[in-house]
PDB file of N, CA and C in Angstrom:
ATOM      1  N   MET A   1     155.131 152.320 160.536  1.00  0.00           N
ATOM      2  CA  MET A   1     154.704 151.404 159.417  1.00  0.00           C
ATOM      3  C   MET A   1     156.087 150.959 158.784  1.00  0.00           C
ATOM      4  N   ASN A   2     157.085 151.591 158.417  1.00  0.00           N
ATOM      5  CA  ASN A   2     158.366 151.054 158.070  1.00  0.00           C
ATOM      6  C   ASN A   2     158.698 149.882 158.888  1.00  0.00           C
ATOM      7  N   GLN A   3     158.847 150.073 160.096  1.00  0.00           N
ATOM      8  CA  GLN A   3     159.435 148.916 160.793  1.00  0.00           C
ATOM      9  C   GLN A   3     158.582 147.705 160.446  1.00  0.00           C
ATOM     10  N   TYR A   4     157.268 147.801 160.556  1.00  0.00           N
ATOM     11  CA  TYR A   4     156.369 146.440 160.128  1.00  0.00           C
ATOM     12  C   TYR A   4     156.710 145.924 159.150  1.00  0.00           C
ATOM     13  N   MET A   5     157.093 146.728 158.156  1.00  0.00           N
ATOM     14  CA  MET A   5     157.393 145.812 156.872  1.00  0.00           C
ATOM     15  C   MET A   5     158.725 145.088 156.728  1.00  0.00           C
ATOM     16  N   GLU A   6     159.844 145.682 157.716  1.00  0.00           N
ATOM     17  CA  GLU A   6     160.921 145.065 157.832  1.00  0.00           C
ATOM     18  C   GLU A   6     161.164 143.963 158.379  1.00  0.00           C
ATOM     19  N   LYS A   7     160.142 143.807 159.794  1.00  0.00           N
ATOM     20  CA  LYS A   7     159.803 142.799 160.547  1.00  0.00           C
ATOM     21  C   LYS A   7     159.226 141.376 159.453  1.00  0.00           C
ATOM     22  N   ARG A   8     158.459 142.038 158.641  1.00  0.00           N
ATOM     23  CA  ARG A   8     157.548 140.768 158.041  1.00  0.00           C
ATOM     24  C   ARG A   8     158.557 140.305 156.848  1.00  0.00           C
ATOM     25  N   ASN A   9     158.527 138.693 157.469  1.00  0.00           N
ATOM     26  CA  ASN A   9     159.679 137.876 156.668  1.00  0.00           C
ATOM     27  C   ASN A   9     158.840 136.963 155.899  1.00  0.00           C
ATOM     28  N   GLU A  10     158.425 137.295 154.822  1.00  0.00           N
ATOM     29  CA  GLU A  10     157.471 136.428 153.944  1.00  0.00           C
ATOM     30  C   GLU A  10     158.331 135.476 153.482  1.00  0.00           C
ATOM     31  N   LYS A  11     157.758 134.126 153.434  1.00  0.00           N
ATOM     32  CA  LYS A  11     158.261 132.949 152.904  1.00  0.00           C
ATOM     33  C   LYS A  11     157.146 132.571 151.776  1.00  0.00           C
ATOM     34  N   GLY A  12     157.752 131.708 150.681  1.00  0.00           N
ATOM     35  CA  GLY A  12     156.695 130.816 149.854  1.00  0.00           C
ATOM     36  C   GLY A  12     156.691 131.736 148.113  1.00  0.00           C
ATOM     37  N   PHE A  13     155.933 131.307 147.726  1.00  0.00           N
ATOM     38  CA  PHE A  13     156.172 131.401 146.326  1.00  0.00           C
ATOM     39  C   PHE A  13     154.929 132.568 145.868  1.00  0.00           C
ATOM     40  N   THR A  14     155.250 133.254 144.954  1.00  0.00           N
ATOM     41  CA  THR A  14     154.203 134.181 144.289  1.00  0.00           C
ATOM     42  C   THR A  14     153.091 133.394 143.401  1.00  0.00           C
ATOM     43  N   LEU A  15     152.041 134.095 143.391  1.00  0.00           N
ATOM     44  CA  LEU A  15     151.108 133.143 142.374  1.00  0.00           C
ATOM     45  C   LEU A  15     151.859 133.197 140.721  1.00  0.00           C
ATOM     46  N   ILE A  16     152.664 134.124 140.430  1.00  0.00           N
ATOM     47  CA  ILE A  16     153.209 133.898 139.111  1.00  0.00           C
ATOM     48  C   ILE A  16     154.127 133.102 138.938  1.00  0.00           C
ATOM     49  N   GLU A  17     155.047 133.204 140.029  1.00  0.00           N
ATOM     50  CA  GLU A  17     155.879 132.013 139.828  1.00  0.00           C
ATOM     51  C   GLU A  17     155.387 130.544 139.651  1.00  0.00           C
ATOM     52  N   LEU A  18     154.104 130.287 140.408  1.00  0.00           N
ATOM     53  CA  LEU A  18     153.330 129.059 140.472  1.00  0.00           C
ATOM     54  C   LEU A  18     153.155 128.836 139.179  1.00  0.00           C
ATOM     55  N   LEU A  19     152.558 129.864 138.567  1.00  0.00           N
ATOM     56  CA  LEU A  19     151.853 129.422 137.186  1.00  0.00           C
ATOM     57  C   LEU A  19     152.720 129.099 136.022  1.00  0.00           C
ATOM     58  N   ILE A  20     154.248 129.985 136.300  1.00  0.00           N
ATOM     59  CA  ILE A  20     155.280 129.670 135.170  1.00  0.00           C
ATOM     60  C   ILE A  20     155.570 128.211 135.461  1.00  0.00           C
ATOM     61  N   ALA A  21     155.617 127.892 136.593  1.00  0.00           N
ATOM     62  CA  ALA A  21     156.135 126.540 136.796  1.00  0.00           C
ATOM     63  C   ALA A  21     155.370 125.455 136.365  1.00  0.00           C
ATOM     64  N   ILE A  22     153.745 125.806 136.471  1.00  0.00           N
ATOM     65  CA  ILE A  22     153.026 124.701 135.863  1.00  0.00           C
ATOM     66  C   ILE A  22     153.100 124.704 134.208  1.00  0.00           C
ATOM     67  N   VAL A  23     153.070 126.073 133.674  1.00  0.00           N
ATOM     68  CA  VAL A  23     153.049 126.102 132.325  1.00  0.00           C
ATOM     69  C   VAL A  23     154.350 125.336 132.318  1.00  0.00           C
ATOM     70  N   VAL A  24     155.594 125.367 132.341  1.00  0.00           N
ATOM     71  CA  VAL A  24     156.624 124.659 132.120  1.00  0.00           C
ATOM     72  C   VAL A  24     156.487 123.187 132.427  1.00  0.00           C
ATOM     73  N   VAL A  25     156.153 122.639 133.358  1.00  0.00           N
ATOM     74  CA  VAL A  25     155.940 121.407 133.564  1.00  0.00           C
ATOM     75  C   VAL A  25     154.836 120.437 132.460  1.00  0.00           C
ATOM     76  N   GLY A  26     153.813 121.575 132.419  1.00  0.00           N
ATOM     77  CA  GLY A  26     152.820 121.176 131.139  1.00  0.00           C
ATOM     78  C   GLY A  26     153.631 120.973 129.966  1.00  0.00           C
ATOM     79  N   ILE A  27     154.452 121.899 129.490  1.00  0.00           N
ATOM     80  CA  ILE A  27     155.165 121.793 128.213  1.00  0.00           C
ATOM     81  C   ILE A  27     155.983 120.740 128.252  1.00  0.00           C
ATOM     82  N   LEU A  28     156.721 120.231 128.991  1.00  0.00           N
ATOM     83  CA  LEU A  28     157.785 119.091 129.374  1.00  0.00           C
ATOM     84  C   LEU A  28     157.007 118.026 129.253  1.00  0.00           C
ATOM     85  N   ALA A  29     155.567 117.611 129.807  1.00  0.00           N
ATOM     86  CA  ALA A  29     154.948 116.945 129.602  1.00  0.00           C
ATOM     87  C   ALA A  29     154.122 116.322 128.275  1.00  0.00           C
ATOM     88  N   ALA A  30     154.071 117.549 127.613  1.00  0.00           N
ATOM     89  CA  ALA A  30     153.554 117.310 126.340  1.00  0.00           C
ATOM     90  C   ALA A  30     154.557 116.620 125.179  1.00  0.00           C
ATOM     91  N   VAL A  31     155.601 117.477 125.423  1.00  0.00           N
ATOM     92  CA  VAL A  31     156.802 116.889 124.524  1.00  0.00           C
ATOM     93  C   VAL A  31     156.895 115.389 124.720  1.00  0.00           C
ATOM     94  N   ALA A  32     157.109 114.990 126.193  1.00  0.00           N
ATOM     95  CA  ALA A  32     157.536 113.434 126.468  1.00  0.00           C
ATOM     96  C   ALA A  32     156.416 112.841 126.058  1.00  0.00           C
ATOM     97  N   ILE A  33     154.751 113.030 126.060  1.00  0.00           N
ATOM     98  CA  ILE A  33     154.020 112.128 125.839  1.00  0.00           C
ATOM     99  C   ILE A  33     154.008 111.797 124.129  1.00  0.00           C
ATOM    100  N   VAL A  34     154.433 112.933 123.180  1.00  0.00           N
ATOM    101  CA  VAL A  34     154.572 112.787 121.839  1.00  0.00           C
ATOM    102  C   VAL A  34     155.547 111.888 121.552  1.00  0.00           C
ATOM    103  N   GLY A  35     156.686 112.015 122.368  1.00  0.00           N
ATOM    104  CA  GLY A  35     157.762 110.867 122.053  1.00  0.00           C
ATOM    105  C   GLY A  35     157.778 109.611 122.349  1.00  0.00           C
ATOM    106  N   ILE A  36     156.681 109.233 123.501  1.00  0.00           N
ATOM    107  CA  ILE A  36     156.372 108.275 124.047  1.00  0.00           C
ATOM    108  C   ILE A  36     155.731 107.416 122.980  1.00  0.00           C
ATOM    109  N   ALA A  37     154.596 108.396 122.336  1.00  0.00           N
ATOM    110  CA  ALA A  37     153.813 107.678 121.396  1.00  0.00           C
ATOM    111  C   ALA A  37     154.332 107.093 120.288  1.00  0.00           C
ATOM    112  N   GLY A  38     155.307 107.751 119.651  1.00  0.00           N
ATOM    113  CA  GLY A  38     155.905 107.712 118.538  1.00  0.00           C
ATOM    114  C   GLY A  38     156.902 105.986 119.037  1.00  0.00           C
ATOM    115  N   LEU A  39     157.052 105.869 119.914  1.00  0.00           N
ATOM    116  CA  LEU A  39     157.735 104.578 120.435  1.00  0.00           C
ATOM    117  C   LEU A  39     156.911 103.296 120.675  1.00  0.00           C
ATOM    118  N   THR A  40     155.848 103.588 121.195  1.00  0.00           N
ATOM    119  CA  THR A  40     154.806 102.539 121.256  1.00  0.00           C
ATOM    120  C   THR A  40     154.582 101.924 119.965  1.00  0.00           C
ATOM    121  N   ASN A  41     154.437 102.982 118.977  1.00  0.00           N
ATOM    122  CA  ASN A  41     153.779 102.287 117.462  1.00  0.00           C
ATOM    123  C   ASN A  41     155.202 101.729 116.953  1.00  0.00           C
ATOM    124  N   THR A  42     156.477 101.854 117.011  1.00  0.00           N
ATOM    125  CA  THR A  42     157.635 101.462 116.726  1.00  0.00           C
ATOM    126  C   THR A  42     158.062  99.885 117.306  1.00  0.00           C
ATOM    127  N   GLY A  43     157.559  99.967 118.557  1.00  0.00           N
ATOM    128  CA  GLY A  43     157.596  98.768 119.396  1.00  0.00           C
ATOM    129  C   GLY A  43     156.830  97.732 118.889  1.00  0.00           C
ATOM    130  N   GLY A  44     155.612  97.912 118.399  1.00  0.00           N
ATOM    131  CA  GLY A  44     154.615  97.023 118.067  1.00  0.00           C
ATOM    132  C   GLY A  44     154.944  96.568 116.638  1.00  0.00           C
ATOM    133  N   LYS A  45     155.481  97.208 115.735  1.00  0.00           N
ATOM    134  CA  LYS A  45     155.762  96.847 114.620  1.00  0.00           C
ATOM    135  C   LYS A  45     157.128  96.009 114.680  1.00  0.00           C
ATOM    136  N   SER A  46     158.250  96.335 115.517  1.00  0.00           N
ATOM    137  CA  SER A  46     159.297  95.480 115.716  1.00  0.00           C
ATOM    138  C   SER A  46     159.050  94.238 116.469  1.00  0.00           C
ATOM    139  N   ALA A  47     157.974  94.011 117.189  1.00  0.00           N
ATOM    140  CA  ALA A  47     157.518  92.720 117.918  1.00  0.00           C
ATOM    141  C   ALA A  47     157.104  91.934 116.729  1.00  0.00           C
ATOM    142  N   CYS A  48     156.246  92.293 116.109  1.00  0.00           N
ATOM    143  CA  CYS A  48     155.454  91.646 114.861  1.00  0.00           C
ATOM    144  C   CYS A  48     156.317  91.262 113.628  1.00  0.00           C
ATOM    145  N   THR A  49     157.382  92.008 113.395  1.00  0.00           N
ATOM    146  CA  THR A  49     158.411  91.663 112.474  1.00  0.00           C
ATOM    147  C   THR A  49     159.453  90.522 113.222  1.00  0.00           C
ATOM    148  N   ALA A  50     159.707  90.606 114.657  1.00  0.00           N
ATOM    149  CA  ALA A  50     160.457  89.651 115.054  1.00  0.00           C
ATOM    150  C   ALA A  50     159.450  88.171 115.110  1.00  0.00           C
ATOM    151  N   SER A  51     158.402  88.328 115.319  1.00  0.00           N
ATOM    152  CA  SER A  51     157.678  87.056 115.477  1.00  0.00           C
ATOM    153  C   SER A  51     157.635  86.431 114.069  1.00  0.00           C
ATOM    154  N   ALA A  52     157.445  87.466 112.879  1.00  0.00           N
ATOM    155  CA  ALA A  52     157.345  86.931 111.575  1.00  0.00           C
ATOM    156  C   ALA A  52     158.958  86.343 111.396  1.00  0.00           C
ATOM    157  N   ASP A  53     159.628  86.982 111.721  1.00  0.00           N
ATOM    158  CA  ASP A  53     160.964  85.990 111.674  1.00  0.00           C
ATOM    159  C   ASP A  53     161.328  84.952 112.342  1.00  0.00           C
ATOM    160  N   ALA A  54     160.697  84.968 113.567  1.00  0.00           N
ATOM    161  CA  ALA A  54     160.875  83.470 114.107  1.00  0.00           C
ATOM    162  C   ALA A  54     159.750  82.319 113.584  1.00  0.00           C
ATOM    163  N   ALA A  55     158.835  82.951 113.051  1.00  0.00           N
ATOM    164  CA  ALA A  55     158.064  82.026 112.583  1.00  0.00           C
ATOM    165  C   ALA A  55     158.584  81.259 111.264  1.00  0.00           C
ATOM    166  N   LEU A  56     159.314  82.479 110.552  1.00  0.00           N
ATOM    167  CA  LEU A  56     159.849  81.600 109.552  1.00  0.00           C
ATOM    168  C   LEU A  56     160.847  80.629 109.816  1.00  0.00           C
ATOM    169  N   ALA A  57     161.689  81.189 110.650  1.00  0.00           N
ATOM    170  CA  ALA A  57     162.712  80.370 110.916  1.00  0.00           C
ATOM    171  C   ALA A  57     162.349  78.995 111.476  1.00  0.00           C
ATOM    172  N   ALA A  58     161.271  78.674 112.358  1.00  0.00           N
ATOM    173  CA  ALA A  58     160.376  77.762 112.854  1.00  0.00           C
ATOM    174  C   ALA A  58     159.787  76.955 111.620  1.00  0.00           C
ATOM    175  N   SER A  59     159.363  77.546 110.814  1.00  0.00           N
ATOM    176  CA  SER A  59     159.024  76.503 109.700  1.00  0.00           C
ATOM    177  C   SER A  59     159.874  75.915 108.990  1.00  0.00           C
ATOM    178  N   ALA A  60     161.052  76.320 108.827  1.00  0.00           N
ATOM    179  CA  ALA A  60     162.220  76.030 108.022  1.00  0.00           C
ATOM    180  C   ALA A  60     162.601  74.712 108.909  1.00  0.00           C
ATOM    181  N   ALA A  61     162.667  74.986 110.246  1.00  0.00           N
ATOM    182  CA  ALA A  61     163.045  73.824 111.128  1.00  0.00           C
ATOM    183  C   ALA A  61     161.953  72.498 111.056  1.00  0.00           C
ATOM    184  N   TYR A  62     160.926  73.215 110.995  1.00  0.00           N
ATOM    185  CA  TYR A  62     159.727  72.085 111.053  1.00  0.00           C
ATOM    186  C   TYR A  62     159.885  71.239 109.371  1.00  0.00           C
ATOM    187  N   TYR A  63     160.149  72.090 108.544  1.00  0.00           N
ATOM    188  CA  TYR A  63     160.599  71.458 107.056  1.00  0.00           C
ATOM    189  C   TYR A  63     161.763  70.376 107.078  1.00  0.00           C
ATOM    190  N   ALA A  64     162.753  70.830 107.778  1.00  0.00           N
ATOM    191  CA  ALA A  64     164.077  69.816 108.002  1.00  0.00           C
ATOM    192  C   ALA A  64     163.358  68.764 109.006  1.00  0.00           C
ATOM    193  N   ASN A  65     162.565  69.073 109.955  1.00  0.00           N
ATOM    194  CA  ASN A  65     162.608  67.840 110.834  1.00  0.00           C
ATOM    195  C   ASN A  65     161.354  66.625 110.344  1.00  0.00           C
ATOM    196  N   HIS A  66     160.483  66.918 109.839  1.00  0.00           N
ATOM    197  CA  HIS A  66     159.374  66.559 109.178  1.00  0.00           C
ATOM    198  C   HIS A  66     159.278  66.164 107.606  1.00  0.00           C
ATOM    199  N   THR A  67     160.148  65.183 107.322  1.00  0.00           N
ATOM    200  CA  THR A  67     160.357  64.331 105.952  1.00  0.00           C
ATOM    201  C   THR A  67     159.994  65.489 104.861  1.00  0.00           C
ATOM    202  N   GLN A  68     160.710  66.839 105.046  1.00  0.00           N
ATOM    203  CA  GLN A  68     160.255  67.664 103.987  1.00  0.00           C
ATOM    204  C   GLN A  68     159.048  68.374 103.680  1.00  0.00           C
ATOM    205  N   THR A  69     158.117  68.574 104.415  1.00  0.00           N
ATOM    206  CA  THR A  69     156.686  69.043 104.382  1.00  0.00           C
ATOM    207  C   THR A  69     156.727  70.141 105.085  1.00  0.00           C
ATOM    208  N   TRP A  70     155.744  71.152 104.676  1.00  0.00           N
ATOM    209  CA  TRP A  70     155.718  72.743 105.335  1.00  0.00           C
ATOM    210  C   TRP A  70     154.552  72.321 106.250  1.00  0.00           C
ATOM    211  N   PRO A  71     154.732  73.204 107.213  1.00  0.00           N
ATOM    212  CA  PRO A  71     153.300  72.971 108.250  1.00  0.00           C
ATOM    213  C   PRO A  71     152.422  73.545 107.395  1.00  0.00           C
ATOM    214  N   ALA A  72     151.094  73.133 107.742  1.00  0.00           N
ATOM    215  CA  ALA A  72     149.951  73.506 107.106  1.00  0.00           C
ATOM    216  C   ALA A  72     149.361  74.897 107.909  1.00  0.00           C
ATOM    217  N   VAL A  73     149.457  74.775 109.130  1.00  0.00           N
ATOM    218  CA  VAL A  73     149.350  76.129 110.414  1.00  0.00           C
ATOM    219  C   VAL A  73     150.191  76.262 111.395  1.00  0.00           C
ATOM    220  N   PHE A  74     150.081  77.236 112.017  1.00  0.00           N
ATOM    221  CA  PHE A  74     151.088  77.546 113.045  1.00  0.00           C
ATOM    222  C   PHE A  74     150.821  76.515 113.979  1.00  0.00           C
ATOM    223  N   THR A  75     149.772  76.032 114.258  1.00  0.00           N
ATOM    224  CA  THR A  75     149.952  75.071 115.610  1.00  0.00           C
ATOM    225  C   THR A  75     150.529  73.822 115.355  1.00  0.00           C
ATOM    226  N   ASP A  76     150.860  73.466 113.889  1.00  0.00           N
ATOM    227  CA  ASP A  76     152.047  72.222 113.384  1.00  0.00           C
ATOM    228  C   ASP A  76     153.360  72.864 114.084  1.00  0.00           C
ATOM    229  N   MET A  77     153.613  73.517 114.400  1.00  0.00           N
ATOM    230  CA  MET A  77     155.019  73.994 114.705  1.00  0.00           C
ATOM    231  C   MET A  77     155.112  74.297 116.249  1.00  0.00           C
ATOM    232  N   THR A  78     153.923  74.567 116.681  1.00  0.00           N
ATOM    233  CA  THR A  78     154.077  74.569 118.331  1.00  0.00           C
ATOM    234  C   THR A  78     153.575  73.343 119.170  1.00  0.00           C
ATOM    235  N   THR A  79     153.195  72.194 118.411  1.00  0.00           N
ATOM    236  CA  THR A  79     153.043  71.092 119.402  1.00  0.00           C
ATOM    237  C   THR A  79     153.773  70.128 119.392  1.00  0.00           C
ATOM    238  N   ASP A  80     154.975  70.094 118.788  1.00  0.00           N
ATOM    239  CA  ASP A  80     155.602  69.137 118.600  1.00  0.00           C
ATOM    240  C   ASP A  80     156.331  68.285 120.115  1.00  0.00           C
ATOM    241  N   THR A  81     156.497  67.205 119.912  1.00  0.00           N
ATOM    242  CA  THR A  81     157.286  66.496 121.083  1.00  0.00           C
ATOM    243  C   THR A  81     158.277  65.990 120.639  1.00  0.00           C
ATOM    244  N   PRO A  82     159.564  65.968 121.199  1.00  0.00           N
ATOM    245  CA  PRO A  82     159.699  66.526 122.615  1.00  0.00           C
ATOM    246  C   PRO A  82     159.423  68.140 122.736  1.00  0.00           C
ATOM    247  N   SER A  83     159.816  68.544 121.743  1.00  0.00           N
ATOM    248  CA  SER A  83     160.079  70.559 122.013  1.00  0.00           C
ATOM    249  C   SER A  83     159.400  71.045 120.817  1.00  0.00           C
ATOM    250  N   PRO A  84     158.528  72.084 120.664  1.00  0.00           N
ATOM    251  CA  PRO A  84     158.165  72.778 119.451  1.00  0.00           C
ATOM    252  C   PRO A  84     159.299  73.611 118.674  1.00  0.00           C
ATOM    253  N   GLU A  85     159.047  73.792 117.344  1.00  0.00           N
ATOM    254  CA  GLU A  85     159.842  74.538 116.612  1.00  0.00           C
ATOM    255  C   GLU A  85     159.903  76.078 116.988  1.00  0.00           C
ATOM    256  N   TYR A  86     158.608  76.522 117.602  1.00  0.00           N
ATOM    257  CA  TYR A  86     158.137  77.382 117.440  1.00  0.00           C
ATOM    258  C   TYR A  86     157.369  77.769 118.814  1.00  0.00           C
ATOM    259  N   VAL A  87     157.668  79.101 119.772  1.00  0.00           N
ATOM    260  CA  VAL A  87     157.007  79.321 121.023  1.00  0.00           C
ATOM    261  C   VAL A  87     156.076  80.750 120.260  1.00  0.00           C
ATOM    262  N   ALA A  88     155.170  80.418 120.344  1.00  0.00           N
ATOM    263  CA  ALA A  88     154.187  81.768 120.488  1.00  0.00           C
ATOM    264  C   ALA A  88     154.382  82.718 121.259  1.00  0.00           C
ATOM    265  N   PRO A  89     154.293  84.298 121.085  1.00  0.00           N
ATOM    266  CA  PRO A  89     154.195  85.361 121.901  1.00  0.00           C
ATOM    267  C   PRO A  89     153.197  85.049 123.048  1.00  0.00           C
ATOM    268  N   THR A  90     153.348  85.892 123.951  1.00  0.00           N
ATOM    269  CA  THR A  90     152.501  85.825 125.148  1.00  0.00           C
ATOM    270  C   THR A  90     151.153  86.404 124.557  1.00  0.00           C
ATOM    271  N   GLY A  91     150.321  85.777 124.794  1.00  0.00           N
ATOM    272  CA  GLY A  91     148.539  86.055 124.346  1.00  0.00           C
ATOM    273  C   GLY A  91     148.322  86.069 123.088  1.00  0.00           C
ATOM    274  N   ALA A  92     149.116  85.362 122.330  1.00  0.00           N
ATOM    275  CA  ALA A  92     148.811  84.618 120.751  1.00  0.00           C
ATOM    276  C   ALA A  92     147.445  83.858 120.882  1.00  0.00           C
ATOM    277  N   SER A  93     146.748  84.021 120.000  1.00  0.00           N
ATOM    278  CA  SER A  93     145.544  82.888 119.700  1.00  0.00           C
ATOM    279  C   SER A  93     145.352  82.216 118.020  1.00  0.00           C
ATOM    280  N   PHE A  94     145.449  81.128 118.082  1.00  0.00           N
ATOM    281  CA  PHE A  94     145.380  80.494 116.840  1.00  0.00           C
ATOM    282  C   PHE A  94     144.120  80.159 116.535  1.00  0.00           C
ATOM    283  N   PRO A  95     143.607  80.650 115.358  1.00  0.00           N
ATOM    284  CA  PRO A  95     142.450  80.129 114.683  1.00  0.00           C
ATOM    285  C   PRO A  95     142.525  78.882 114.006  1.00  0.00           C
ATOM    286  N   THR A  96     141.498  78.789 113.521  1.00  0.00           N
ATOM    287  CA  THR A  96     141.511  77.368 112.403  1.00  0.00           C
ATOM    288  C   THR A  96     142.201  77.619 111.399  1.00  0.00           C
ATOM    289  N   THR A  97     142.074  79.007 110.991  1.00  0.00           N
ATOM    290  CA  THR A  97     143.158  79.488 109.730  1.00  0.00           C
ATOM    291  C   THR A  97     144.636  79.391 110.328  1.00  0.00           C
ATOM    292  N   THR A  98     145.338  79.986 108.927  1.00  0.00           N
ATOM    293  CA  THR A  98     146.624  80.112 109.299  1.00  0.00           C
ATOM    294  C   THR A  98     147.225  81.276 109.685  1.00  0.00           C
ATOM    295  N   SER A  99     146.373  82.189 110.523  1.00  0.00           N
ATOM    296  CA  SER A  99     146.787  83.173 111.301  1.00  0.00           C
ATOM    297  C   SER A  99     147.025  83.207 112.687  1.00  0.00           C
ATOM    298  N   MET A 100     147.717  83.980 113.247  1.00  0.00           N
ATOM    299  CA  MET A 100     148.029  84.006 114.575  1.00  0.00           C
ATOM    300  C   MET A 100     147.685  85.522 115.036  1.00  0.00           C
ATOM    301  N   LYS A 101     146.983  85.771 116.022  1.00  0.00           N
ATOM    302  CA  LYS A 101     146.583  87.397 116.434  1.00  0.00           C
ATOM    303  C   LYS A 101     147.178  87.491 117.974  1.00  0.00           C
ATOM    304  N   VAL A 102     148.183  88.541 118.057  1.00  0.00           N
ATOM    305  CA  VAL A 102     148.575  89.175 118.912  1.00  0.00           C
ATOM    306  C   VAL A 102     148.459  90.370 119.146  1.00  0.00           C
ATOM    307  N   GLY A 103     147.406  90.574 120.236  1.00  0.00           N
ATOM    308  CA  GLY A 103     146.996  91.817 120.614  1.00  0.00           C
ATOM    309  C   GLY A 103     146.761  92.596 119.370  1.00  0.00           C
ATOM    310  N   SER A 104     147.046  93.707 118.866  1.00  0.00           N
ATOM    311  CA  SER A 104     146.553  94.402 117.708  1.00  0.00           C
ATOM    312  C   SER A 104     147.055  94.220 116.244  1.00  0.00           C
ATOM    313  N   TRP A 105     147.881  93.048 116.385  1.00  0.00           N
ATOM    314  CA  TRP A 105     148.412  92.555 115.274  1.00  0.00           C
ATOM    315  C   TRP A 105     148.003  91.225 114.677  1.00  0.00           C
ATOM    316  N   THR A 106     148.190  90.993 113.409  1.00  0.00           N
ATOM    317  CA  THR A 106     147.565  89.557 112.909  1.00  0.00           C
ATOM    318  C   THR A 106     148.816  89.037 112.496  1.00  0.00           C
ATOM    319  N   LEU A 107     149.446  87.945 112.479  1.00  0.00           N
ATOM    320  CA  LEU A 107     150.518  87.234 111.448  1.00  0.00           C
ATOM    321  C   LEU A 107     150.016  86.113 110.669  1.00  0.00           C
ATOM    322  N   VAL A 108     150.057  86.122 109.233  1.00  0.00           N
ATOM    323  CA  VAL A 108     149.505  85.255 108.454  1.00  0.00           C
ATOM    324  C   VAL A 108     150.510  84.437 108.055  1.00  0.00           C
ATOM    325  N   MET A 109     150.289  83.288 107.742  1.00  0.00           N
ATOM    326  CA  MET A 109     151.544  82.255 107.025  1.00  0.00           C
ATOM    327  C   MET A 109     150.769  81.874 105.949  1.00  0.00           C
ATOM    328  N   HIS A 110     151.488  82.102 104.603  1.00  0.00           N
ATOM    329  CA  HIS A 110     151.092  81.564 103.843  1.00  0.00           C
ATOM    330  C   HIS A 110     152.229  80.517 103.347  1.00  0.00           C
ATOM    331  N   GLY A 111     151.594  79.391 102.436  1.00  0.00           N
ATOM    332  CA  GLY A 111     152.326  78.374 102.315  1.00  0.00           C
ATOM    333  C   GLY A 111     151.615  76.870 102.595  1.00  0.00           C
ATOM    334  N   GLY A 112     152.426  75.959 103.127  1.00  0.00           N
ATOM    335  CA  GLY A 112     151.880  74.681 103.354  1.00  0.00           C
ATOM    336  C   GLY A 112     151.953  73.686 102.106  1.00  0.00           C
ATOM    337  N   GLY A 113     152.625  74.384 101.123  1.00  0.00           N
ATOM    338  CA  GLY A 113     152.861  73.525  99.952  1.00  0.00           C
ATOM    339  C   GLY A 113     154.028  73.043  99.357  1.00  0.00           C
ATOM    340  N   THR A 114     154.857  73.271  98.297  1.00  0.00           N
ATOM    341  CA  THR A 114     155.819  72.991  97.984  1.00  0.00           C
ATOM    342  C   THR A 114     156.910  73.956  98.118  1.00  0.00           C
ATOM    343  N   THR A 115     156.580  75.236  98.524  1.00  0.00           N
ATOM    344  CA  THR A 115     157.293  76.472  98.392  1.00  0.00           C
ATOM    345  C   THR A 115     157.592  76.912  99.887  1.00  0.00           C
ATOM    346  N   THR A 116     158.315  77.804 100.001  1.00  0.00           N
ATOM    347  CA  THR A 116     158.785  78.151 101.220  1.00  0.00           C
ATOM    348  C   THR A 116     157.449  78.981 101.758  1.00  0.00           C
ATOM    349  N   ASN A 117     157.294  78.847 102.991  1.00  0.00           N
ATOM    350  CA  ASN A 117     156.502  79.572 103.763  1.00  0.00           C
ATOM    351  C   ASN A 117     156.526  80.979 103.764  1.00  0.00           C
ATOM    352  N   THR A 118     155.930  82.283 103.723  1.00  0.00           N
ATOM    353  CA  THR A 118     155.956  83.469 103.806  1.00  0.00           C
ATOM    354  C   THR A 118     154.981  83.965 104.808  1.00  0.00           C
ATOM    355  N   PHE A 119     155.281  84.849 105.725  1.00  0.00           N
ATOM    356  CA  PHE A 119     154.606  85.751 106.565  1.00  0.00           C
ATOM    357  C   PHE A 119     154.683  87.114 106.645  1.00  0.00           C
ATOM    358  N   ASP A 120     153.400  87.429 106.558  1.00  0.00           N
ATOM    359  CA  ASP A 120     153.270  88.801 106.470  1.00  0.00           C
ATOM    360  C   ASP A 120     152.037  89.269 107.704  1.00  0.00           C
ATOM    361  N   GLY A 121     151.653  90.560 107.518  1.00  0.00           N
ATOM    362  CA  GLY A 121     150.500  90.917 108.555  1.00  0.00           C
ATOM    363  C   GLY A 121     151.022  92.006 109.695  1.00  0.00           C
ATOM    364  N   CYS A 122     152.370  92.163 109.294  1.00  0.00           N
ATOM    365  CA  CYS A 122     152.936  93.632 110.372  1.00  0.00           C
ATOM    366  C   CYS A 122     152.515  94.820 109.553  1.00  0.00           C
TER     367      CYS A 122
END
């Protein structure tokens, strides 16, 4: 019987080793998912803020190029010829009001009068 045990050359992993490996991979995946979720929330906020800054700069350019009048709506800044002052983000939609919707956030332009436009909604 002892000879048989010596000749038996087992290869592979035990069930305990496999379970430990699965648990470790699960813990690492859980940590990664929590970290990535926080980054996506921050990214959306940053995209909205960047669009608001770009729209504010575009409204200033519109004001300078159009006899000192502020744009009434976003589309005023996007349809100029030969080139628009503002290029909307991919997926942006312009309703008839002064707001622009991109994905899950809405950027709203207040102004169109004699004061500087303000942008919010992020």
